[in-house]
């Protein structure tokens, strides 16, 4: 059985940076980005937390 995936795009408060990611659990992944679980990551460094697109 295959598990479906999702492509998503995040941006920062000023909409000046875009981050494209892929996940099988969008809700949990967004929570991880917003909690800055990985402080050295791109999304933490550029404060990308707003979800602008997913499919």
Protein backbone atom coordinates (compact mmCIF):
# COMPACT_ATOMS: atom_id res chain seq x y z
CA UNK A 1 0.00 0.00 0.00
CA UNK A 2 1.38 3.41 -0.99
CA UNK A 3 1.13 6.42 1.26
CA UNK A 4 0.16 9.64 -0.53
CA UNK A 5 2.35 12.68 -0.51
CA UNK A 6 1.84 16.42 -0.63
CA UNK A 7 3.84 19.29 -2.13
CA UNK A 8 3.62 22.55 -0.19
CA UNK A 9 4.97 26.09 -0.32
CA UNK A 10 5.75 28.25 2.72
CA UNK A 11 6.68 31.92 2.88
CA UNK A 12 7.67 34.47 5.51
CA UNK A 13 5.64 37.41 6.89
CA UNK A 14 6.78 39.72 4.08
CA UNK A 15 6.29 37.15 1.27
CA UNK A 16 9.92 37.63 0.20
CA UNK A 17 11.15 34.04 0.58
CA UNK A 18 9.62 30.80 -0.71
CA UNK A 19 10.27 27.29 0.56
CA UNK A 20 9.01 24.21 -1.31
CA UNK A 21 8.66 20.94 0.57
CA UNK A 22 7.22 17.44 0.20
CA UNK A 23 5.64 15.42 2.99
CA UNK A 24 3.16 12.64 3.67
CA UNK A 25 1.77 14.41 6.78
CA UNK A 26 1.26 18.10 6.01
CA UNK A 27 -0.28 19.06 9.36
CA UNK A 28 2.60 17.63 11.41
CA UNK A 29 5.22 19.05 9.07
CA UNK A 30 3.80 22.58 9.30
CA UNK A 31 3.83 22.31 13.10
CA UNK A 32 7.50 21.28 12.94
CA UNK A 33 8.36 24.30 10.77
CA UNK A 34 6.51 26.71 13.07
CA UNK A 35 8.11 25.21 16.21
CA UNK A 36 11.58 25.62 14.62
CA UNK A 37 12.56 22.09 15.64
CA UNK A 38 15.64 22.34 13.42
CA UNK A 39 17.14 25.77 14.27
CA UNK A 40 19.72 25.67 11.47
CA UNK A 41 17.15 24.89 8.76
CA UNK A 42 16.22 27.22 5.91
CA UNK A 43 12.69 27.77 7.23
CA UNK A 44 13.96 28.65 10.70
CA UNK A 45 16.61 31.01 9.36
CA UNK A 46 14.16 32.87 7.09
CA UNK A 47 11.07 32.52 9.34
CA UNK A 48 8.98 30.69 6.74
CA UNK A 49 5.79 29.72 8.50
CA UNK A 50 2.84 30.80 6.30
CA UNK A 51 1.39 28.06 4.13
CA UNK A 52 0.56 29.57 0.74
CA UNK A 53 -0.07 26.47 -1.38
CA UNK A 54 -0.42 22.69 -1.19
CA UNK A 55 -1.56 19.86 -3.42
